[in-house]
PDB file of N, CA and C in Angstrom:
ATOM      1  N   MET A   1     113.602 218.162 -67.839  1.00  0.00           N
ATOM      2  CA  MET A   1     112.707 218.311 -68.966  1.00  0.00           C
ATOM      3  C   MET A   1     113.354 219.126 -70.086  1.00  0.00           C
ATOM      4  N   LYS A   2     114.143 220.138 -69.694  1.00  0.00           N
ATOM      5  CA  LYS A   2     114.786 220.952 -70.723  1.00  0.00           C
ATOM      6  C   LYS A   2     115.782 220.136 -71.530  1.00  0.00           C
ATOM      7  N   LYS A   3     116.458 219.186 -70.880  1.00  0.00           N
ATOM      8  CA  LYS A   3     117.411 218.350 -71.609  1.00  0.00           C
ATOM      9  C   LYS A   3     116.695 217.520 -72.667  1.00  0.00           C
ATOM     10  N   MET A   4     115.513 217.001 -72.335  1.00  0.00           N
ATOM     11  CA  MET A   4     114.748 216.250 -73.331  1.00  0.00           C
ATOM     12  C   MET A   4     114.329 217.138 -74.482  1.00  0.00           C
ATOM     13  N   ASN A   5     113.914 218.341 -74.178  1.00  0.00           N
ATOM     14  CA  ASN A   5     113.511 219.258 -75.233  1.00  0.00           C
ATOM     15  C   ASN A   5     114.672 219.578 -76.156  1.00  0.00           C
ATOM     16  N   LYS A   6     115.843 219.821 -75.583  1.00  0.00           N
ATOM     17  CA  LYS A   6     117.021 220.096 -76.409  1.00  0.00           C
ATOM     18  C   LYS A   6     117.388 218.871 -77.228  1.00  0.00           C
ATOM     19  N   HIS A   7     117.301 217.707 -76.610  1.00  0.00           N
ATOM     20  CA  HIS A   7     117.625 216.465 -77.316  1.00  0.00           C
ATOM     21  C   HIS A   7     116.643 216.233 -78.464  1.00  0.00           C
ATOM     22  N   HIS A   8     115.357 216.430 -78.198  1.00  0.00           N
ATOM     23  CA  HIS A   8     114.347 216.253 -79.244  1.00  0.00           C
ATOM     24  C   HIS A   8     114.522 217.262 -80.371  1.00  0.00           C
ATOM     25  N   ARG A   9     114.827 218.487 -80.003  1.00  0.00           N
ATOM     26  CA  ARG A   9     115.037 219.515 -81.024  1.00  0.00           C
ATOM     27  C   ARG A   9     116.238 219.168 -81.899  1.00  0.00           C
ATOM     28  N   LYS A  10     117.293 218.679 -81.260  1.00  0.00           N
ATOM     29  CA  LYS A  10     118.494 218.306 -82.001  1.00  0.00           C
ATOM     30  C   LYS A  10     118.192 217.146 -82.951  1.00  0.00           C
ATOM     31  N   LEU A  11     117.438 216.171 -82.461  1.00  0.00           N
ATOM     32  CA  LEU A  11     117.065 215.019 -83.281  1.00  0.00           C
ATOM     33  C   LEU A  11     116.178 215.441 -84.452  1.00  0.00           C
ATOM     34  N   LEU A  12     115.193 216.279 -84.183  1.00  0.00           N
ATOM     35  CA  LEU A  12     114.319 216.767 -85.252  1.00  0.00           C
ATOM     36  C   LEU A  12     115.099 217.573 -86.282  1.00  0.00           C
ATOM     37  N   ASN A  13     116.069 218.348 -85.827  1.00  0.00           N
ATOM     38  CA  ASN A  13     116.899 219.120 -86.738  1.00  0.00           C
ATOM     39  C   ASN A  13     117.702 218.193 -87.649  1.00  0.00           C
ATOM     40  N   LYS A  14     118.261 217.118 -87.092  1.00  0.00           N
ATOM     41  CA  LYS A  14     119.015 216.158 -87.897  1.00  0.00           C
ATOM     42  C   LYS A  14     118.117 215.465 -88.919  1.00  0.00           C
ATOM     43  N   ILE A  15     116.922 215.088 -88.487  1.00  0.00           N
ATOM     44  CA  ILE A  15     115.984 214.436 -89.405  1.00  0.00           C
ATOM     45  C   ILE A  15     115.578 215.390 -90.524  1.00  0.00           C
ATOM     46  N   PHE A  16     115.283 216.631 -90.168  1.00  0.00           N
ATOM     47  CA  PHE A  16     114.920 217.632 -91.163  1.00  0.00           C
ATOM     48  C   PHE A  16     116.039 217.829 -92.178  1.00  0.00           C
ATOM     49  N   MET A  17     117.267 217.953 -91.696  1.00  0.00           N
ATOM     50  CA  MET A  17     118.403 218.151 -92.602  1.00  0.00           C
ATOM     51  C   MET A  17     118.610 216.937 -93.504  1.00  0.00           C
ATOM     52  N   ALA A  18     118.416 215.736 -92.964  1.00  0.00           N
ATOM     53  CA  ALA A  18     118.561 214.522 -93.773  1.00  0.00           C
ATOM     54  C   ALA A  18     117.513 214.495 -94.891  1.00  0.00           C
ATOM     55  N   VAL A  19     116.289 214.893 -94.568  1.00  0.00           N
ATOM     56  CA  VAL A  19     115.220 214.914 -95.575  1.00  0.00           C
ATOM     57  C   VAL A  19     115.524 215.962 -96.647  1.00  0.00           C
ATOM     58  N   VAL A  20     115.967 217.133 -96.236  1.00  0.00           N
ATOM     59  CA  VAL A  20     116.300 218.198 -97.194  1.00  0.00           C
ATOM     60  C   VAL A  20     117.445 217.751 -98.100  1.00  0.00           C
ATOM     61  N   ILE A  21     118.474 217.156 -97.524  1.00  0.00           N
ATOM     62  CA  ILE A  21     119.606 216.680 -98.329  1.00  0.00           C
ATOM     63  C   ILE A  21     119.147 215.609 -99.308  1.00  0.00           C
ATOM     64  N   PHE A  22     118.293 214.680 -98.850  1.00  0.00           N
ATOM     65  CA  PHE A  22     117.788 213.639 -99.742  1.00  0.00           C
ATOM     66  C   PHE A  22     117.009 214.241-100.908  1.00  0.00           C
ATOM     67  N   ILE A  23     116.139 215.189-100.627  1.00  0.00           N
ATOM     68  CA  ILE A  23     115.333 215.811-101.688  1.00  0.00           C
ATOM     69  C   ILE A  23     116.226 216.531-102.693  1.00  0.00           C
ATOM     70  N   LEU A  24     117.221 217.255-102.202  1.00  0.00           N
ATOM     71  CA  LEU A  24     118.137 217.953-103.111  1.00  0.00           C
ATOM     72  C   LEU A  24     118.942 216.973-103.955  1.00  0.00           C
ATOM     73  N   MET A  25     119.406 215.897-103.341  1.00  0.00           N
ATOM     74  CA  MET A  25     120.164 214.890-104.090  1.00  0.00           C
ATOM     75  C   MET A  25     119.260 214.214-105.127  1.00  0.00           C
ATOM     76  N   LEU A  26     118.023 213.920-104.738  1.00  0.00           N
ATOM     77  CA  LEU A  26     117.090 213.286-105.677  1.00  0.00           C
ATOM     78  C   LEU A  26     116.807 214.207-106.857  1.00  0.00           C
ATOM     79  N   LEU A  27     116.618 215.484-106.596  1.00  0.00           N
ATOM     80  CA  LEU A  27     116.402 216.436-107.694  1.00  0.00           C
ATOM     81  C   LEU A  27     117.616 216.514-108.610  1.00  0.00           C
ATOM     82  N   THR A  28     118.794 216.552-108.018  1.00  0.00           N
ATOM     83  CA  THR A  28     120.026 216.630-108.809  1.00  0.00           C
ATOM     84  C   THR A  28     120.179 215.406-109.708  1.00  0.00           C
ATOM     85  N   TYR A  29     120.055 214.221-109.119  1.00  0.00           N
ATOM     86  CA  TYR A  29     120.222 212.999-109.912  1.00  0.00           C
ATOM     87  C   TYR A  29     119.068 212.795-110.892  1.00  0.00           C
ATOM     88  N   SER A  30     117.878 213.246-110.544  1.00  0.00           N
ATOM     89  CA  SER A  30     116.745 213.144-111.474  1.00  0.00           C
ATOM     90  C   SER A  30     116.964 214.019-112.695  1.00  0.00           C
ATOM     91  N   LEU A  31     117.474 215.228-112.481  1.00  0.00           N
ATOM     92  CA  LEU A  31     117.762 216.108-113.618  1.00  0.00           C
ATOM     93  C   LEU A  31     118.858 215.534-114.504  1.00  0.00           C
ATOM     94  N   GLN A  32     119.893 214.969-113.898  1.00  0.00           N
ATOM     95  CA  GLN A  32     120.957 214.346-114.686  1.00  0.00           C
ATOM     96  C   GLN A  32     120.403 213.171-115.497  1.00  0.00           C
ATOM     97  N   TRP A  33     119.570 212.361-114.867  1.00  0.00           N
ATOM     98  CA  TRP A  33     118.972 211.217-115.546  1.00  0.00           C
ATOM     99  C   TRP A  33     118.094 211.676-116.708  1.00  0.00           C
ATOM    100  N   ALA A  34     117.286 212.700-116.471  1.00  0.00           N
ATOM    101  CA  ALA A  34     116.392 213.211-117.513  1.00  0.00           C
ATOM    102  C   ALA A  34     117.184 213.765-118.694  1.00  0.00           C
ATOM    103  N   LYS A  35     118.273 214.465-118.411  1.00  0.00           N
ATOM    104  CA  LYS A  35     119.091 215.016-119.504  1.00  0.00           C
ATOM    105  C   LYS A  35     119.705 213.898-120.327  1.00  0.00           C
ATOM    106  N   ARG A  36     120.135 212.807-119.680  1.00  0.00           N
ATOM    107  CA  ARG A  36     120.725 211.684-120.408  1.00  0.00           C
ATOM    108  C   ARG A  36     119.679 210.948-121.239  1.00  0.00           C
ATOM    109  N   ASN A  37     118.489 210.780-120.711  1.00  0.00           N
ATOM    110  CA  ASN A  37     117.477 209.960-121.380  1.00  0.00           C
ATOM    111  C   ASN A  37     116.551 210.729-122.304  1.00  0.00           C
ATOM    112  N   TYR A  38     116.407 212.024-122.083  1.00  0.00           N
ATOM    113  CA  TYR A  38     115.475 212.820-122.882  1.00  0.00           C
ATOM    114  C   TYR A  38     116.134 214.080-123.423  1.00  0.00           C
ATOM    115  N   ALA A  39     117.342 213.953-123.881  1.00  0.00           N
ATOM    116  CA  ALA A  39     118.102 215.121-124.318  1.00  0.00           C
ATOM    117  C   ALA A  39     117.541 215.760-125.590  1.00  0.00           C
ATOM    118  N   ASN A  40     116.883 214.995-126.424  1.00  0.00           N
ATOM    119  CA  ASN A  40     116.481 215.502-127.740  1.00  0.00           C
ATOM    120  C   ASN A  40     115.011 215.893-127.848  1.00  0.00           C
ATOM    121  N   ILE A  41     114.318 216.061-126.737  1.00  0.00           N
ATOM    122  CA  ILE A  41     112.925 216.476-126.825  1.00  0.00           C
ATOM    123  C   ILE A  41     112.748 217.817-126.127  1.00  0.00           C
ATOM    124  N   GLY A  42     111.721 218.526-126.508  1.00  0.00           N
ATOM    125  CA  GLY A  42     111.468 219.854-125.956  1.00  0.00           C
ATOM    126  C   GLY A  42     110.684 219.809-124.652  1.00  0.00           C
ATOM    127  N   PHE A  43     110.607 220.956-124.027  1.00  0.00           N
ATOM    128  CA  PHE A  43     109.927 221.082-122.745  1.00  0.00           C
ATOM    129  C   PHE A  43     108.439 220.739-122.862  1.00  0.00           C
ATOM    130  N   ALA A  44     107.801 221.156-123.942  1.00  0.00           N
ATOM    131  CA  ALA A  44     106.374 220.875-124.138  1.00  0.00           C
ATOM    132  C   ALA A  44     106.126 219.368-124.190  1.00  0.00           C
ATOM    133  N   GLU A  45     107.012 218.631-124.825  1.00  0.00           N
ATOM    134  CA  GLU A  45     106.867 217.177-124.893  1.00  0.00           C
ATOM    135  C   GLU A  45     107.035 216.537-123.521  1.00  0.00           C
ATOM    136  N   ILE A  46     107.960 217.056-122.733  1.00  0.00           N
ATOM    137  CA  ILE A  46     108.154 216.533-121.375  1.00  0.00           C
ATOM    138  C   ILE A  46     106.906 216.762-120.544  1.00  0.00           C
ATOM    139  N   VAL A  47     106.343 217.956-120.616  1.00  0.00           N
ATOM    140  CA  VAL A  47     105.129 218.268-119.865  1.00  0.00           C
ATOM    141  C   VAL A  47     103.984 217.363-120.313  1.00  0.00           C
ATOM    142  N   PHE A  48     103.877 217.117-121.607  1.00  0.00           N
ATOM    143  CA  PHE A  48     102.841 216.223-122.128  1.00  0.00           C
ATOM    144  C   PHE A  48     102.999 214.822-121.539  1.00  0.00           C
ATOM    145  N   HIS A  49     104.211 214.303-121.541  1.00  0.00           N
ATOM    146  CA  HIS A  49     104.448 212.949-121.049  1.00  0.00           C
ATOM    147  C   HIS A  49     104.286 212.844-119.540  1.00  0.00           C
ATOM    148  N   LEU A  50     104.506 213.912-118.815  1.00  0.00           N
ATOM    149  CA  LEU A  50     104.283 213.884-117.374  1.00  0.00           C
ATOM    150  C   LEU A  50     102.815 213.661-117.038  1.00  0.00           C
ATOM    151  N   GLY A  51     101.941 214.095-117.922  1.00  0.00           N
ATOM    152  CA  GLY A  51     100.512 213.913-117.709  1.00  0.00           C
ATOM    153  C   GLY A  51     100.008 212.532-118.091  1.00  0.00           C
ATOM    154  N   MET A  52     100.818 211.742-118.744  1.00  0.00           N
ATOM    155  CA  MET A  52     100.402 210.410-119.187  1.00  0.00           C
ATOM    156  C   MET A  52     100.619 209.396-118.061  1.00  0.00           C
ATOM    157  N   THR A  53      99.943 208.263-118.162  1.00  0.00           N
ATOM    158  CA  THR A  53     100.118 207.205-117.165  1.00  0.00           C
ATOM    159  C   THR A  53     101.376 206.402-117.467  1.00  0.00           C
ATOM    160  N   PHE A  54     101.762 205.577-116.499  1.00  0.00           N
ATOM    161  CA  PHE A  54     102.933 204.718-116.688  1.00  0.00           C
ATOM    162  C   PHE A  54     102.586 203.434-117.418  1.00  0.00           C
ATOM    163  N   GLU A  55     101.316 203.237-117.726  1.00  0.00           N
ATOM    164  CA  GLU A  55     100.901 202.036-118.420  1.00  0.00           C
ATOM    165  C   GLU A  55     101.571 201.980-119.785  1.00  0.00           C
ATOM    166  N   GLY A  56     102.221 200.890-120.070  1.00  0.00           N
ATOM    167  CA  GLY A  56     102.913 200.729-121.342  1.00  0.00           C
ATOM    168  C   GLY A  56     104.336 201.250-121.333  1.00  0.00           C
ATOM    169  N   THR A  57     104.772 201.810-120.210  1.00  0.00           N
ATOM    170  CA  THR A  57     106.148 202.307-120.108  1.00  0.00           C
ATOM    171  C   THR A  57     107.089 201.112-120.002  1.00  0.00           C
ATOM    172  N   ALA A  58     108.152 201.164-120.743  1.00  0.00           N
ATOM    173  CA  ALA A  58     109.124 200.082-120.710  1.00  0.00           C
ATOM    174  C   ALA A  58     109.729 199.965-119.313  1.00  0.00           C
ATOM    175  N   ASP A  59     109.901 198.732-118.861  1.00  0.00           N
ATOM    176  CA  ASP A  59     110.485 198.505-117.539  1.00  0.00           C
ATOM    177  C   ASP A  59     111.894 199.066-117.441  1.00  0.00           C
ATOM    178  N   GLY A  60     112.604 199.096-118.547  1.00  0.00           N
ATOM    179  CA  GLY A  60     113.977 199.587-118.547  1.00  0.00           C
ATOM    180  C   GLY A  60     114.088 201.046-118.140  1.00  0.00           C
ATOM    181  N   ILE A  61     113.116 201.852-118.536  1.00  0.00           N
ATOM    182  CA  ILE A  61     113.129 203.272-118.183  1.00  0.00           C
ATOM    183  C   ILE A  61     112.958 203.444-116.675  1.00  0.00           C
ATOM    184  N   LEU A  62     111.968 202.753-116.114  1.00  0.00           N
ATOM    185  CA  LEU A  62     111.730 202.861-114.676  1.00  0.00           C
ATOM    186  C   LEU A  62     112.895 202.282-113.876  1.00  0.00           C
ATOM    187  N   ARG A  63     113.433 201.162-114.316  1.00  0.00           N
ATOM    188  CA  ARG A  63     114.586 200.552-113.649  1.00  0.00           C
ATOM    189  C   ARG A  63     115.789 201.477-113.731  1.00  0.00           C
ATOM    190  N   SER A  64     115.974 202.101-114.873  1.00  0.00           N
ATOM    191  CA  SER A  64     117.076 203.036-115.066  1.00  0.00           C
ATOM    192  C   SER A  64     116.966 204.206-114.089  1.00  0.00           C
ATOM    193  N   TYR A  65     115.766 204.763-113.963  1.00  0.00           N
ATOM    194  CA  TYR A  65     115.573 205.872-113.026  1.00  0.00           C
ATOM    195  C   TYR A  65     115.813 205.414-111.596  1.00  0.00           C
ATOM    196  N   PHE A  66     115.280 204.240-111.257  1.00  0.00           N
ATOM    197  CA  PHE A  66     115.419 203.716-109.908  1.00  0.00           C
ATOM    198  C   PHE A  66     116.887 203.557-109.534  1.00  0.00           C
ATOM    199  N   ILE A  67     117.688 203.036-110.443  1.00  0.00           N
ATOM    200  CA  ILE A  67     119.102 202.795-110.163  1.00  0.00           C
ATOM    201  C   ILE A  67     119.912 204.086-110.234  1.00  0.00           C
ATOM    202  N   GLU A  68     119.717 204.865-111.287  1.00  0.00           N
ATOM    203  CA  GLU A  68     120.567 206.025-111.526  1.00  0.00           C
ATOM    204  C   GLU A  68     120.214 207.244-110.688  1.00  0.00           C
ATOM    205  N   ALA A  69     118.982 207.381-110.280  1.00  0.00           N
ATOM    206  CA  ALA A  69     118.600 208.576-109.530  1.00  0.00           C
ATOM    207  C   ALA A  69     118.216 208.255-108.088  1.00  0.00           C
ATOM    208  N   LEU A  70     117.265 207.380-107.901  1.00  0.00           N
ATOM    209  CA  LEU A  70     116.736 207.145-106.566  1.00  0.00           C
ATOM    210  C   LEU A  70     117.755 206.485-105.635  1.00  0.00           C
ATOM    211  N   ILE A  71     118.350 205.394-106.064  1.00  0.00           N
ATOM    212  CA  ILE A  71     119.318 204.707-105.206  1.00  0.00           C
ATOM    213  C   ILE A  71     120.544 205.575-104.962  1.00  0.00           C
ATOM    214  N   ARG A  72     121.020 206.263-105.988  1.00  0.00           N
ATOM    215  CA  ARG A  72     122.169 207.161-105.791  1.00  0.00           C
ATOM    216  C   ARG A  72     121.851 208.247-104.781  1.00  0.00           C
ATOM    217  N   ALA A  73     120.642 208.788-104.836  1.00  0.00           N
ATOM    218  CA  ALA A  73     120.252 209.827-103.879  1.00  0.00           C
ATOM    219  C   ALA A  73     120.199 209.274-102.464  1.00  0.00           C
ATOM    220  N   ILE A  74     119.684 208.069-102.302  1.00  0.00           N
ATOM    221  CA  ILE A  74     119.623 207.455-100.976  1.00  0.00           C
ATOM    222  C   ILE A  74     121.029 207.217-100.436  1.00  0.00           C
ATOM    223  N   VAL A  75     121.895 206.646-101.258  1.00  0.00           N
ATOM    224  CA  VAL A  75     123.266 206.348-100.809  1.00  0.00           C
ATOM    225  C   VAL A  75     124.026 207.610-100.478  1.00  0.00           C
ATOM    226  N   MET A  76     123.970 208.598-101.352  1.00  0.00           N
ATOM    227  CA  MET A  76     124.706 209.840-101.101  1.00  0.00           C
ATOM    228  C   MET A  76     124.164 210.577 -99.891  1.00  0.00           C
ATOM    229  N   SER A  77     122.867 210.571 -99.697  1.00  0.00           N
ATOM    230  CA  SER A  77     122.277 211.220 -98.525  1.00  0.00           C
ATOM    231  C   SER A  77     122.727 210.528 -97.253  1.00  0.00           C
ATOM    232  N   ALA A  78     122.777 209.200 -97.298  1.00  0.00           N
ATOM    233  CA  ALA A  78     123.231 208.445 -96.122  1.00  0.00           C
ATOM    234  C   ALA A  78     124.700 208.734 -95.814  1.00  0.00           C
ATOM    235  N   LEU A  79     125.513 208.865 -96.852  1.00  0.00           N
ATOM    236  CA  LEU A  79     126.936 209.165 -96.633  1.00  0.00           C
ATOM    237  C   LEU A  79     127.166 210.571 -96.099  1.00  0.00           C
ATOM    238  N   ILE A  80     126.347 211.509 -96.540  1.00  0.00           N
ATOM    239  CA  ILE A  80     126.523 212.910 -96.124  1.00  0.00           C
ATOM    240  C   ILE A  80     126.026 213.137 -94.703  1.00  0.00           C
ATOM    241  N   THR A  81     124.912 212.506 -94.350  1.00  0.00           N
ATOM    242  CA  THR A  81     124.326 212.778 -93.026  1.00  0.00           C
ATOM    243  C   THR A  81     124.828 211.875 -91.952  1.00  0.00           C
TER     244      THR A  81
END
C-alpha cells in the first residue's frame, strides 16, 4: 500500500508541476502578446476593455492570441515537462 501512495504522490506532484509550468508559460506569452498588440494604450483602457464582451471582436485578434500565446504555452509546457 505504501508503494501505491508513493506512486500516487509522485504522479500528483508531476501533474501539479505541469499545471504550474503551463500557467506560468501562458502568463508569459500572454503578456508578450498584449505588449505587441496593445502597446500604445494605457492601463485604464485595458481594464475598461477587459470588462467588455467579446461580441464584435475581430476574429484576427482572438486567432492571434490563440496561436501566439495559448498554443505556444501548451507546446513549451509539453517540452519542459
